[in-house]
């Protein structure tokens, strides 16, 4: 198994009890799990966005060196993965509305 994946899974296992500790008194375990789900929505979407931006940015720089006129097209390709993190924030805010 990939060492990075093992580290991420270990971090999730370690972080889960802390979300329960910050749960509201009246919500109990459910509020903590909803907060953990909101954190996962933002965290996983941020990792996915960074991964996509790295791949697209690297290819975009290579294409820009060969064809400088394609700057606008490459810029649009770089903006498209940002929607992933926006969707993560929307889901986190929707889940956060259920906690309170």
Protein backbone atom coordinates (compact mmCIF):
# COMPACT_ATOMS: atom_id res chain seq x y z
CA UNK A 1 0.00 0.00 0.00
CA UNK A 2 1.15 3.51 -0.74
CA UNK A 3 2.86 5.19 2.24
CA UNK A 4 1.07 8.50 1.66
CA UNK A 5 -2.31 6.77 1.73
CA UNK A 6 -1.40 5.02 4.97
CA UNK A 7 -0.40 8.37 6.52
CA UNK A 8 -3.66 10.01 5.46
CA UNK A 9 -5.73 7.13 6.83
CA UNK A 10 -3.78 7.20 10.09
CA UNK A 11 -4.40 10.94 10.37
CA UNK A 12 -8.12 10.38 9.86
CA UNK A 13 -8.21 7.71 12.54
CA UNK A 14 -6.35 9.97 14.97
CA UNK A 15 -8.48 13.05 14.15
CA UNK A 16 -11.88 11.35 14.50
CA UNK A 17 -12.02 11.39 18.33
CA UNK A 18 -11.09 15.08 18.44
CA UNK A 19 -14.14 15.98 16.36
CA UNK A 20 -16.28 14.18 18.90
CA UNK A 21 -14.64 16.18 21.68
CA UNK A 22 -15.64 19.46 20.02
CA UNK A 23 -19.24 18.37 19.51
CA UNK A 24 -21.99 20.38 21.11
CA UNK A 25 -23.42 19.09 24.35
CA UNK A 26 -26.97 18.77 23.05
CA UNK A 27 -25.92 17.17 19.73
CA UNK A 28 -23.76 14.42 21.16
CA UNK A 29 -21.96 12.06 18.86
CA UNK A 30 -24.09 12.99 15.85
CA UNK A 31 -22.91 16.60 15.86
CA UNK A 32 -19.30 15.47 16.07
CA UNK A 33 -19.72 13.12 13.14
CA UNK A 34 -21.39 15.84 11.08
CA UNK A 35 -18.48 18.18 11.88
CA UNK A 36 -16.06 15.42 10.88
CA UNK A 37 -17.95 14.93 7.60
CA UNK A 38 -17.73 18.68 6.92
CA UNK A 39 -13.99 18.58 7.57
CA UNK A 40 -13.62 15.63 5.23
CA UNK A 41 -15.64 17.42 2.53
CA UNK A 42 -13.25 20.37 2.60
CA UNK A 43 -10.08 18.33 3.11
CA UNK A 44 -10.63 15.75 0.40
CA UNK A 45 -11.82 18.33 -2.12
CA UNK A 46 -8.77 20.49 -1.36
CA UNK A 47 -6.43 17.55 -1.91
CA UNK A 48 -8.21 16.67 -5.17
CA UNK A 49 -8.00 20.28 -6.34
CA UNK A 50 -4.30 20.49 -5.54
CA UNK A 51 -3.63 17.23 -7.34
CA UNK A 52 -5.51 18.38 -10.46
CA UNK A 53 -3.93 21.84 -10.40
CA UNK A 54 -0.45 20.32 -10.18
CA UNK A 55 -1.00 18.11 -13.21
CA UNK A 56 -2.72 20.80 -15.27
CA UNK A 57 -0.22 23.49 -14.26
CA UNK A 58 2.75 21.38 -15.24
CA UNK A 59 1.26 20.54 -18.61
CA UNK A 60 0.12 24.14 -19.05
CA UNK A 61 3.60 25.55 -18.55
CA UNK A 62 4.98 23.10 -21.10
CA UNK A 63 2.29 24.05 -23.62
CA UNK A 64 2.78 27.75 -22.92
CA UNK A 65 6.48 27.51 -23.76
CA UNK A 66 5.68 25.95 -27.11
CA UNK A 67 2.62 28.09 -27.90
CA UNK A 68 2.35 31.41 -26.01
CA UNK A 69 -0.92 32.28 -27.76
CA UNK A 70 -2.70 29.55 -25.76
CA UNK A 71 -2.48 31.50 -22.49
CA UNK A 72 -6.25 32.11 -22.24
CA UNK A 73 -7.09 28.48 -22.90
CA UNK A 74 -4.58 27.28 -20.30
CA UNK A 75 -5.93 29.78 -17.79
CA UNK A 76 -9.43 28.36 -18.22
CA UNK A 77 -8.07 24.84 -17.73
CA UNK A 78 -6.47 25.98 -14.48
CA UNK A 79 -9.70 27.54 -13.19
CA UNK A 80 -11.91 24.50 -13.82
CA UNK A 81 -10.55 22.36 -10.92
CA UNK A 82 -11.29 25.21 -8.50
CA UNK A 83 -14.95 24.24 -8.73
CA UNK A 84 -14.12 21.05 -6.82
CA UNK A 85 -13.11 23.00 -3.71
CA UNK A 86 -16.12 25.30 -4.09
CA UNK A 87 -18.39 22.25 -4.05
CA UNK A 88 -16.55 21.00 -0.96
CA UNK A 89 -17.18 24.32 0.81
CA UNK A 90 -20.86 24.26 -0.16
CA UNK A 91 -21.28 20.75 1.20
CA UNK A 92 -19.42 21.68 4.40
CA UNK A 93 -21.65 24.73 4.92
CA UNK A 94 -24.77 22.64 4.34
CA UNK A 95 -23.56 20.09 6.85
CA UNK A 96 -22.56 22.82 9.29
CA UNK A 97 -26.11 24.15 9.18
CA UNK A 98 -27.32 20.79 10.54
CA UNK A 99 -25.00 20.92 13.56
CA UNK A 100 -26.49 24.01 15.22
